[in-house]
C-alpha atoms as a PDB file:
ATOM      1  CA  UNK A   1     106.530  63.777  61.061  1.00  0.00           C
ATOM      2  CA  UNK A   2     109.279  64.000  63.648  1.00  0.00           C
ATOM      3  CA  UNK A   3     111.600  65.674  61.187  1.00  0.00           C
ATOM      4  CA  UNK A   4     109.014  68.214  60.014  1.00  0.00           C
ATOM      5  CA  UNK A   5     108.089  68.986  63.613  1.00  0.00           C
ATOM      6  CA  UNK A   6     111.727  69.607  64.539  1.00  0.00           C
ATOM      7  CA  UNK A   7     112.155  71.780  61.468  1.00  0.00           C
ATOM      8  CA  UNK A   8     109.012  73.734  62.433  1.00  0.00           C
ATOM      9  CA  UNK A   9     110.273  74.200  65.961  1.00  0.00           C
ATOM     10  CA  UNK A  10     113.704  75.420  64.661  1.00  0.00           C
ATOM     11  CA  UNK A  11     112.058  77.782  62.373  1.00  0.00           C
ATOM     12  CA  UNK A  12     109.904  79.194  65.186  1.00  0.00           C
ATOM     13  CA  UNK A  13     112.955  79.557  67.375  1.00  0.00           C
ATOM     14  CA  UNK A  14     114.820  81.408  64.680  1.00  0.00           C
ATOM     15  CA  UNK A  15     111.848  83.760  64.156  1.00  0.00           C
ATOM     16  CA  UNK A  16     111.675  84.447  67.942  1.00  0.00           C
ATOM     17  CA  UNK A  17     115.425  85.064  68.017  1.00  0.00           C
ATOM     18  CA  UNK A  18     115.242  87.445  65.034  1.00  0.00           C
ATOM     19  CA  UNK A  19     112.363  89.473  66.705  1.00  0.00           C
ATOM     20  CA  UNK A  20     114.415  89.707  69.980  1.00  0.00           C
ATOM     21  CA  UNK A  21     117.438  90.806  68.072  1.00  0.00           C
ATOM     22  CA  UNK A  22     115.487  93.479  66.202  1.00  0.00           C
ATOM     23  CA  UNK A  23     113.979  94.737  69.489  1.00  0.00           C
ATOM     24  CA  UNK A  24     117.548  94.908  70.990  1.00  0.00           C
ATOM     25  CA  UNK A  25     118.912  96.737  68.019  1.00  0.00           C
ATOM     26  CA  UNK A  26     115.947  99.093  67.992  1.00  0.00           C
ATOM     27  CA  UNK A  27     116.168  99.723  71.661  1.00  0.00           C
ATOM     28  CA  UNK A  28     120.044 100.243  71.472  1.00  0.00           C
ATOM     29  CA  UNK A  29     119.609 102.660  68.576  1.00  0.00           C
ATOM     30  CA  UNK A  30     116.817 104.558  70.392  1.00  0.00           C
ATOM     31  CA  UNK A  31     119.015 104.770  73.485  1.00  0.00           C
ATOM     32  CA  UNK A  32     121.864 106.156  71.409  1.00  0.00           C
ATOM     33  CA  UNK A  33     119.574 108.705  69.804  1.00  0.00           C
ATOM     34  CA  UNK A  34     118.213 109.692  73.198  1.00  0.00           C
ATOM     35  CA  UNK A  35     121.743 110.117  74.624  1.00  0.00           C
ATOM     36  CA  UNK A  36     122.425 112.698  71.896  1.00  0.00           C
ATOM     37  CA  UNK A  37     119.672 114.888  73.247  1.00  0.00           C
ATOM     38  CA  UNK A  38     121.491 115.109  76.732  1.00  0.00           C
ATOM     39  CA  UNK A  39     124.170 117.609  77.358  1.00  0.00           C
ATOM     40  CA  UNK A  40     126.915 116.902  79.845  1.00  0.00           C
ATOM     41  CA  UNK A  41     127.331 119.801  82.170  1.00  0.00           C
ATOM     42  CA  UNK A  42     130.439 118.368  83.774  1.00  0.00           C
ATOM     43  CA  UNK A  43     133.243 117.328  81.425  1.00  0.00           C
ATOM     44  CA  UNK A  44     134.979 115.049  83.901  1.00  0.00           C
ATOM     45  CA  UNK A  45     138.287 116.987  83.681  1.00  0.00           C
ATOM     46  CA  UNK A  46     137.840 120.436  85.207  1.00  0.00           C
ATOM     47  CA  UNK A  47     135.362 123.041  86.219  1.00  0.00           C
ATOM     48  CA  UNK A  48     135.052 124.610  82.791  1.00  0.00           C
ATOM     49  CA  UNK A  49     131.563 126.300  82.384  1.00  0.00           C
ATOM     50  CA  UNK A  50     131.063 126.594  86.166  1.00  0.00           C
ATOM     51  CA  UNK A  51     131.363 129.579  88.605  1.00  0.00           C
ATOM     52  CA  UNK A  52     131.876 129.301  92.274  1.00  0.00           C
ATOM     53  CA  UNK A  53     130.319 131.519  95.033  1.00  0.00           C
ATOM     54  CA  UNK A  54     131.162 130.878  98.649  1.00  0.00           C
ATOM     55  CA  UNK A  55     129.822 132.989 101.492  1.00  0.00           C
ATOM     56  CA  UNK A  56     132.343 135.647 102.704  1.00  0.00           C
ATOM     57  CA  UNK A  57     134.253 135.455  99.367  1.00  0.00           C
ATOM     58  CA  UNK A  58     133.891 137.124  96.017  1.00  0.00           C
ATOM     59  CA  UNK A  59     132.057 135.369  93.160  1.00  0.00           C
ATOM     60  CA  UNK A  60     134.500 133.153  91.353  1.00  0.00           C
ATOM     61  CA  UNK A  61     136.787 132.504  94.352  1.00  0.00           C
ATOM     62  CA  UNK A  62     136.892 128.698  94.864  1.00  0.00           C
ATOM     63  CA  UNK A  63     138.260 129.065  98.394  1.00  0.00           C
ATOM     64  CA  UNK A  64     140.259 126.078  99.671  1.00  0.00           C
ATOM     65  CA  UNK A  65     139.441 124.230  96.269  1.00  0.00           C
ATOM     66  CA  UNK A  66     136.159 123.490  97.798  1.00  0.00           C
ATOM     67  CA  UNK A  67     135.050 122.229  94.448  1.00  0.00           C
ATOM     68  CA  UNK A  68     137.537 120.153  92.519  1.00  0.00           C
ATOM     69  CA  UNK A  69     137.896 117.286  89.994  1.00  0.00           C
ATOM     70  CA  UNK A  70     139.627 113.986  90.647  1.00  0.00           C
ATOM     71  CA  UNK A  71     139.415 110.773  88.631  1.00  0.00           C
ATOM     72  CA  UNK A  72     136.401 112.080  86.665  1.00  0.00           C
ATOM     73  CA  UNK A  73     134.511 112.870  89.908  1.00  0.00           C
ATOM     74  CA  UNK A  74     133.397 116.334  90.898  1.00  0.00           C
ATOM     75  CA  UNK A  75     134.301 116.550  94.584  1.00  0.00           C
ATOM     76  CA  UNK A  76     133.198 118.810  97.404  1.00  0.00           C
ATOM     77  CA  UNK A  77     135.940 118.857 100.015  1.00  0.00           C
ATOM     78  CA  UNK A  78     137.083 120.838 103.074  1.00  0.00           C
ATOM     79  CA  UNK A  79     140.644 119.495 103.808  1.00  0.00           C
ATOM     80  CA  UNK A  80     142.084 122.989 103.128  1.00  0.00           C
ATOM     81  CA  UNK A  81     139.728 124.756 105.577  1.00  0.00           C
ATOM     82  CA  UNK A  82     141.083 125.832 109.014  1.00  0.00           C
ATOM     83  CA  UNK A  83     139.320 126.857 112.171  1.00  0.00           C
ATOM     84  CA  UNK A  84     135.535 127.289 112.421  1.00  0.00           C
ATOM     85  CA  UNK A  85     133.410 126.648 109.419  1.00  0.00           C
ATOM     86  CA  UNK A  86     132.067 130.168 109.773  1.00  0.00           C
ATOM     87  CA  UNK A  87     129.027 129.578 107.595  1.00  0.00           C
ATOM     88  CA  UNK A  88     131.176 129.224 104.449  1.00  0.00           C
ATOM     89  CA  UNK A  89     128.282 127.878 102.491  1.00  0.00           C
ATOM     90  CA  UNK A  90     129.161 127.384  98.865  1.00  0.00           C
ATOM     91  CA  UNK A  91     127.606 126.753  95.481  1.00  0.00           C
ATOM     92  CA  UNK A  92     128.980 125.800  92.134  1.00  0.00           C
ATOM     93  CA  UNK A  93     126.898 127.392  89.330  1.00  0.00           C
ATOM     94  CA  UNK A  94     126.662 126.194  85.785  1.00  0.00           C
ATOM     95  CA  UNK A  95     126.998 129.238  83.613  1.00  0.00           C
ATOM     96  CA  UNK A  96     123.881 128.790  81.467  1.00  0.00           C
ATOM     97  CA  UNK A  97     120.344 129.413  82.869  1.00  0.00           C
ATOM     98  CA  UNK A  98     117.493 126.983  82.002  1.00  0.00           C
ATOM     99  CA  UNK A  99     113.745 127.175  82.359  1.00  0.00           C
ATOM    100  CA  UNK A 100     112.304 123.884  81.082  1.00  0.00           C
ATOM    101  CA  UNK A 101     114.553 120.936  81.595  1.00  0.00           C
ATOM    102  CA  UNK A 102     115.251 117.445  82.714  1.00  0.00           C
ATOM    103  CA  UNK A 103     118.361 117.335  84.972  1.00  0.00           C
ATOM    104  CA  UNK A 104     120.070 114.160  86.374  1.00  0.00           C
ATOM    105  CA  UNK A 105     123.129 113.341  88.347  1.00  0.00           C
ATOM    106  CA  UNK A 106     124.607 110.785  90.652  1.00  0.00           C
ATOM    107  CA  UNK A 107     125.816 111.703  94.108  1.00  0.00           C
ATOM    108  CA  UNK A 108     127.253 110.073  97.221  1.00  0.00           C
ATOM    109  CA  UNK A 109     128.172 111.264 100.618  1.00  0.00           C
ATOM    110  CA  UNK A 110     131.798 110.561 101.664  1.00  0.00           C
ATOM    111  CA  UNK A 111     134.279 111.467 104.414  1.00  0.00           C
ATOM    112  CA  UNK A 112     133.650 113.220 107.656  1.00  0.00           C
ATOM    113  CA  UNK A 113     131.348 116.146 108.190  1.00  0.00           C
ATOM    114  CA  UNK A 114     133.368 119.379 108.955  1.00  0.00           C
ATOM    115  CA  UNK A 115     133.302 119.897 112.671  1.00  0.00           C
ATOM    116  CA  UNK A 116     131.924 123.282 113.430  1.00  0.00           C
ATOM    117  CA  UNK A 117     129.497 123.413 110.538  1.00  0.00           C
ATOM    118  CA  UNK A 118     125.847 123.725 111.602  1.00  0.00           C
ATOM    119  CA  UNK A 119     124.568 120.480 112.906  1.00  0.00           C
ATOM    120  CA  UNK A 120     121.774 120.169 110.218  1.00  0.00           C
ATOM    121  CA  UNK A 121     124.446 119.954 107.422  1.00  0.00           C
ATOM    122  CA  UNK A 122     125.628 116.523 108.583  1.00  0.00           C
ATOM    123  CA  UNK A 123     125.156 114.270 105.475  1.00  0.00           C
ATOM    124  CA  UNK A 124     123.254 117.083 103.827  1.00  0.00           C
ATOM    125  CA  UNK A 125     123.631 118.804 100.477  1.00  0.00           C
ATOM    126  CA  UNK A 126     121.700 119.389  97.315  1.00  0.00           C
ATOM    127  CA  UNK A 127     121.288 120.973  93.976  1.00  0.00           C
ATOM    128  CA  UNK A 128     119.718 124.442  93.493  1.00  0.00           C
ATOM    129  CA  UNK A 129     117.797 125.436  90.511  1.00  0.00           C
ATOM    130  CA  UNK A 130     115.912 128.523  89.198  1.00  0.00           C
ATOM    131  CA  UNK A 131     118.710 130.313  91.129  1.00  0.00           C
ATOM    132  CA  UNK A 132     119.634 133.886  90.871  1.00  0.00           C
ATOM    133  CA  UNK A 133     122.844 134.720  88.889  1.00  0.00           C
ATOM    134  CA  UNK A 134     125.917 134.317  91.168  1.00  0.00           C
ATOM    135  CA  UNK A 135     127.189 137.560  89.802  1.00  0.00           C
ATOM    136  CA  UNK A 136     124.294 139.287  91.481  1.00  0.00           C
ATOM    137  CA  UNK A 137     125.056 137.852  94.916  1.00  0.00           C
ATOM    138  CA  UNK A 138     126.759 139.980  97.512  1.00  0.00           C
ATOM    139  CA  UNK A 139     130.036 138.804  99.209  1.00  0.00           C
ATOM    140  CA  UNK A 140     128.350 137.760 102.574  1.00  0.00           C
ATOM    141  CA  UNK A 141     125.021 136.399 101.093  1.00  0.00           C
ATOM    142  CA  UNK A 142     124.384 132.964 102.615  1.00  0.00           C
ATOM    143  CA  UNK A 143     122.280 131.170  99.919  1.00  0.00           C
ATOM    144  CA  UNK A 144     121.077 132.139  96.557  1.00  0.00           C
ATOM    145  CA  UNK A 145     117.432 132.936  95.987  1.00  0.00           C
ATOM    146  CA  UNK A 146     116.477 129.587  94.581  1.00  0.00           C
ATOM    147  CA  UNK A 147     114.703 126.282  95.021  1.00  0.00           C
ATOM    148  CA  UNK A 148     116.680 123.284  96.332  1.00  0.00           C
ATOM    149  CA  UNK A 149     116.419 119.584  95.726  1.00  0.00           C
ATOM    150  CA  UNK A 150     117.914 118.482  99.043  1.00  0.00           C
ATOM    151  CA  UNK A 151     120.105 115.421  99.464  1.00  0.00           C
ATOM    152  CA  UNK A 152     120.324 113.570 102.776  1.00  0.00           C
ATOM    153  CA  UNK A 153     121.743 110.297 103.921  1.00  0.00           C
ATOM    154  CA  UNK A 154     121.090 107.999 106.937  1.00  0.00           C
ATOM    155  CA  UNK A 155     122.560 109.176 110.176  1.00  0.00           C
ATOM    156  CA  UNK A 156     121.127 106.731 112.673  1.00  0.00           C
ATOM    157  CA  UNK A 157     120.543 103.060 111.580  1.00  0.00           C
ATOM    158  CA  UNK A 158     116.842 102.300 111.211  1.00  0.00           C
ATOM    159  CA  UNK A 159     115.792 105.979 111.361  1.00  0.00           C
ATOM    160  CA  UNK A 160     114.121 107.265 108.150  1.00  0.00           C
ATOM    161  CA  UNK A 161     115.818 110.170 106.516  1.00  0.00           C
ATOM    162  CA  UNK A 162     114.367 110.556 102.998  1.00  0.00           C
ATOM    163  CA  UNK A 163     116.354 112.244 100.221  1.00  0.00           C
ATOM    164  CA  UNK A 164     115.169 114.372  97.272  1.00  0.00           C
ATOM    165  CA  UNK A 165     113.223 116.774  99.523  1.00  0.00           C
ATOM    166  CA  UNK A 166     112.301 120.378  98.630  1.00  0.00           C
ATOM    167  CA  UNK A 167     113.816 123.382 100.470  1.00  0.00           C
ATOM    168  CA  UNK A 168     113.033 127.048  99.611  1.00  0.00           C
ATOM    169  CA  UNK A 169     115.763 129.595 100.439  1.00  0.00           C
ATOM    170  CA  UNK A 170     114.234 132.971  99.543  1.00  0.00           C
ATOM    171  CA  UNK A 171     111.328 131.315  97.543  1.00  0.00           C
ATOM    172  CA  UNK A 172     107.801 129.921  97.939  1.00  0.00           C
ATOM    173  CA  UNK A 173     106.126 126.957  96.299  1.00  0.00           C
ATOM    174  CA  UNK A 174     102.661 125.438  96.134  1.00  0.00           C
ATOM    175  CA  UNK A 175     102.282 121.843  97.507  1.00  0.00           C
ATOM    176  CA  UNK A 176      99.045 119.911  97.267  1.00  0.00           C
ATOM    177  CA  UNK A 177      97.331 123.119  96.018  1.00  0.00           C
ATOM    178  CA  UNK A 178      98.345 125.260  99.007  1.00  0.00           C
ATOM    179  CA  UNK A 179     101.264 127.618  99.426  1.00  0.00           C
ATOM    180  CA  UNK A 180     103.778 125.803 101.624  1.00  0.00           C
ATOM    181  CA  UNK A 181     104.544 127.298 104.962  1.00  0.00           C
ATOM    182  CA  UNK A 182     107.505 125.024 105.823  1.00  0.00           C
ATOM    183  CA  UNK A 183     110.973 125.719 104.547  1.00  0.00           C
ATOM    184  CA  UNK A 184     111.471 122.048 103.618  1.00  0.00           C
ATOM    185  CA  UNK A 185     109.052 119.439 102.437  1.00  0.00           C
ATOM    186  CA  UNK A 186     109.957 115.703 102.750  1.00  0.00           C
ATOM    187  CA  UNK A 187     109.868 113.475  99.835  1.00  0.00           C
ATOM    188  CA  UNK A 188     108.590 109.828  99.819  1.00  0.00           C
ATOM    189  CA  UNK A 189     112.020 108.380  99.017  1.00  0.00           C
ATOM    190  CA  UNK A 190     113.805 105.532 100.736  1.00  0.00           C
ATOM    191  CA  UNK A 191     116.651 106.264 103.144  1.00  0.00           C
ATOM    192  CA  UNK A 192     120.079 105.686 101.721  1.00  0.00           C
ATOM    193  CA  UNK A 193     123.341 105.188 103.597  1.00  0.00           C
ATOM    194  CA  UNK A 194     126.491 107.207 103.349  1.00  0.00           C
ATOM    195  CA  UNK A 195     128.850 105.959 100.560  1.00  0.00           C
ATOM    196  CA  UNK A 196     126.105 104.745  98.221  1.00  0.00           C
ATOM    197  CA  UNK A 197     125.649 106.324  94.855  1.00  0.00           C
ATOM    198  CA  UNK A 198     122.110 107.760  94.384  1.00  0.00           C
ATOM    199  CA  UNK A 199     120.672 108.919  91.074  1.00  0.00           C
ATOM    200  CA  UNK A 200     118.724 112.103  91.386  1.00  0.00           C
ATOM    201  CA  UNK A 201     116.571 113.673  88.653  1.00  0.00           C
ATOM    202  CA  UNK A 202     114.616 116.905  88.350  1.00  0.00           C
ATOM    203  CA  UNK A 203     111.940 117.708  85.823  1.00  0.00           C
ATOM    204  CA  UNK A 204     111.302 121.421  85.853  1.00  0.00           C
ATOM    205  CA  UNK A 205     108.693 123.102  83.705  1.00  0.00           C
ATOM    206  CA  UNK A 206     109.189 126.837  84.103  1.00  0.00           C
ATOM    207  CA  UNK A 207     107.061 128.149  86.968  1.00  0.00           C
ATOM    208  CA  UNK A 208     104.411 125.359  86.688  1.00  0.00           C
ATOM    209  CA  UNK A 209     105.226 121.781  87.583  1.00  0.00           C
ATOM    210  CA  UNK A 210     108.350 120.368  89.273  1.00  0.00           C
ATOM    211  CA  UNK A 211     109.009 116.710  89.859  1.00  0.00           C
ATOM    212  CA  UNK A 212     111.819 115.039  91.966  1.00  0.00           C
ATOM    213  CA  UNK A 213     112.871 111.619  91.090  1.00  0.00           C
ATOM    214  CA  UNK A 214     115.214 109.307  93.105  1.00  0.00           C
ATOM    215  CA  UNK A 215     116.622 106.077  91.622  1.00  0.00           C
ATOM    216  CA  UNK A 216     113.852 106.021  89.028  1.00  0.00           C
ATOM    217  CA  UNK A 217     110.960 106.733  91.529  1.00  0.00           C
ATOM    218  CA  UNK A 218     108.892 109.819  91.601  1.00  0.00           C
ATOM    219  CA  UNK A 219     109.158 111.062  95.196  1.00  0.00           C
ATOM    220  CA  UNK A 220     107.781 114.649  95.186  1.00  0.00           C
ATOM    221  CA  UNK A 221     105.683 117.012  93.000  1.00  0.00           C
ATOM    222  CA  UNK A 222     104.937 120.610  93.493  1.00  0.00           C
ATOM    223  CA  UNK A 223     104.083 123.749  91.530  1.00  0.00           C
ATOM    224  CA  UNK A 224     104.374 127.557  91.078  1.00  0.00           C
ATOM    225  CA  UNK A 225     107.816 128.462  92.372  1.00  0.00           C
ATOM    226  CA  UNK A 226     108.150 132.174  93.107  1.00  0.00           C
ATOM    227  CA  UNK A 227     110.370 134.556  95.004  1.00  0.00           C
ATOM    228  CA  UNK A 228     109.437 134.954  98.630  1.00  0.00           C
ATOM    229  CA  UNK A 229     109.926 133.356 102.043  1.00  0.00           C
ATOM    230  CA  UNK A 230     112.838 134.078 104.340  1.00  0.00           C
ATOM    231  CA  UNK A 231     116.333 132.601 105.283  1.00  0.00           C
ATOM    232  CA  UNK A 232     118.238 134.677 102.853  1.00  0.00           C
ATOM    233  CA  UNK A 233     120.646 137.059 104.514  1.00  0.00           C
ATOM    234  CA  UNK A 234     123.291 139.494 103.283  1.00  0.00           C
ATOM    235  CA  UNK A 235     121.622 139.953  99.900  1.00  0.00           C
ATOM    236  CA  UNK A 236     120.815 142.830  97.700  1.00  0.00           C
ATOM    237  CA  UNK A 237     117.117 143.685  98.500  1.00  0.00           C
ATOM    238  CA  UNK A 238     116.513 144.683  94.821  1.00  0.00           C
ATOM    239  CA  UNK A 239     117.199 141.028  93.811  1.00  0.00           C
ATOM    240  CA  UNK A 240     114.380 139.651  96.100  1.00  0.00           C
ATOM    241  CA  UNK A 241     111.175 140.795  94.544  1.00  0.00           C
ATOM    242  CA  UNK A 242     108.643 138.709  96.487  1.00  0.00           C
ATOM    243  CA  UNK A 243     105.781 137.287  94.569  1.00  0.00           C
ATOM    244  CA  UNK A 244     107.655 137.233  91.238  1.00  0.00           C
ATOM    245  CA  UNK A 245     107.224 133.874  89.514  1.00  0.00           C
ATOM    246  CA  UNK A 246     110.470 131.902  89.069  1.00  0.00           C
ATOM    247  CA  UNK A 247     110.331 130.920  85.362  1.00  0.00           C
ATOM    248  CA  UNK A 248     114.122 130.218  84.937  1.00  0.00           C
ATOM    249  CA  UNK A 249     117.497 130.395  86.546  1.00  0.00           C
ATOM    250  CA  UNK A 250     120.823 128.827  87.197  1.00  0.00           C
ATOM    251  CA  UNK A 251     121.623 125.333  88.403  1.00  0.00           C
ATOM    252  CA  UNK A 252     124.103 124.987  91.339  1.00  0.00           C
ATOM    253  CA  UNK A 253     125.714 122.111  93.252  1.00  0.00           C
ATOM    254  CA  UNK A 254     125.818 122.813  96.981  1.00  0.00           C
ATOM    255  CA  UNK A 255     128.560 122.844  99.636  1.00  0.00           C
ATOM    256  CA  UNK A 256     127.463 123.080 103.317  1.00  0.00           C
ATOM    257  CA  UNK A 257     130.237 121.325 105.326  1.00  0.00           C
ATOM    258  CA  UNK A 258     129.678 117.737 104.212  1.00  0.00           C
ATOM    259  CA  UNK A 259     132.111 116.163 101.757  1.00  0.00           C
ATOM    260  CA  UNK A 260     130.404 114.422  98.827  1.00  0.00           C
ATOM    261  CA  UNK A 261     130.942 113.395  95.177  1.00  0.00           C
ATOM    262  CA  UNK A 262     129.037 114.111  91.923  1.00  0.00           C
ATOM    263  CA  UNK A 263     129.129 112.429  88.606  1.00  0.00           C
ATOM    264  CA  UNK A 264     127.048 112.058  85.357  1.00  0.00           C
ATOM    265  CA  UNK A 265     125.704 115.530  85.653  1.00  0.00           C
ATOM    266  CA  UNK A 266     123.771 116.170  82.509  1.00  0.00           C
ATOM    267  CA  UNK A 267     120.625 117.986  81.220  1.00  0.00           C
ATOM    268  CA  UNK A 268     117.967 117.669  78.530  1.00  0.00           C
ATOM    269  CA  UNK A 269     116.635 121.097  77.460  1.00  0.00           C
ATOM    270  CA  UNK A 270     112.863 120.795  77.132  1.00  0.00           C
ATOM    271  CA  UNK A 271     112.549 124.226  75.482  1.00  0.00           C
ATOM    272  CA  UNK A 272     113.279 124.619  71.798  1.00  0.00           C
ATOM    273  CA  UNK A 273     111.911 124.817  68.263  1.00  0.00           C
ATOM    274  CA  UNK A 274     108.554 123.084  68.056  1.00  0.00           C
ATOM    275  CA  UNK A 275     108.040 123.687  64.288  1.00  0.00           C
ATOM    276  CA  UNK A 276     108.134 120.244  62.655  1.00  0.00           C
ATOM    277  CA  UNK A 277     109.546 121.772  59.505  1.00  0.00           C
ATOM    278  CA  UNK A 278     112.732 122.939  61.308  1.00  0.00           C
ATOM    279  CA  UNK A 279     115.967 121.011  61.333  1.00  0.00           C
ATOM    280  CA  UNK A 280     116.165 121.155  65.111  1.00  0.00           C
ATOM    281  CA  UNK A 281     112.572 120.178  65.823  1.00  0.00           C
ATOM    282  CA  UNK A 282     112.225 117.620  68.720  1.00  0.00           C
ATOM    283  CA  UNK A 283     109.098 115.823  69.820  1.00  0.00           C
ATOM    284  CA  UNK A 284     109.954 116.000  73.464  1.00  0.00           C
ATOM    285  CA  UNK A 285     110.121 119.839  73.551  1.00  0.00           C
ATOM    286  CA  UNK A 286     107.431 121.253  75.989  1.00  0.00           C
ATOM    287  CA  UNK A 287     108.052 124.930  75.684  1.00  0.00           C
ATOM    288  CA  UNK A 288     108.216 126.725  72.329  1.00  0.00           C
ATOM    289  CA  UNK A 289     111.234 128.895  71.442  1.00  0.00           C
ATOM    290  CA  UNK A 290     110.645 130.094  67.902  1.00  0.00           C
ATOM    291  CA  UNK A 291     113.945 132.030  67.796  1.00  0.00           C
ATOM    292  CA  UNK A 292     115.747 128.665  68.122  1.00  0.00           C
ATOM    293  CA  UNK A 293     114.347 127.272  64.871  1.00  0.00           C
ATOM    294  CA  UNK A 294     116.793 126.464  62.181  1.00  0.00           C
ATOM    295  CA  UNK A 295     115.502 125.991  58.541  1.00  0.00           C
END
């Protein structure tokens, strides 16, 4: 009886082990397949595929190597700046516009804030989306018409300063069913210290729903981005058609006077062929793009 019982227990143990192994293999394979659907926007070597626009400089002029690559990290730095900051707000734009997408990246604040930059830029940066084309920006335009996922870090110990907020340079959004009157809306995220890597994600569905996610937690949801609002200066008035829905645009990493690092910048396009008979059909597509279908 004891031998049979031990044999039965051993058999059960092997069965459980096989189930766990199969689950692991399935999960690993699924993760690999999922990774294939993501596109790396940053190659870890250089700024290929990106365009710089810094206030007071022409599009494409990466003044002072504000944006640079070092040890596979995309850095924002000001060590080659001199004198007053002079509102040299900068943005690094990925060259392809998107409308329906899931964007993710890791960021961390480092170094010292550039003395002379506006006080609010201390441990402050972000990523812009649904942005206007940098080629349409005038030399002295301060920010692009866009929506921003704002990144902040702790300044004073014990004082809450959530990250993953929403700011709206030259745009409007609807929050809790009402058109927002504030330039920035706080998220429900935790406060993170300088030097800590933070994972930020954006899920953007055209001009409908937008979700901000920090370290895996949903921290903010809003809807209906459109052109409007204020705070944009030095722009071409023809580019700011208030009331026009923002259905797509460019993605840009921000530079406002605070050094920081970015890595693992990648995107999953949620717009594509939704015909199950096509070779490039994907179940996760949300927006149909019939012209993308391959048969």
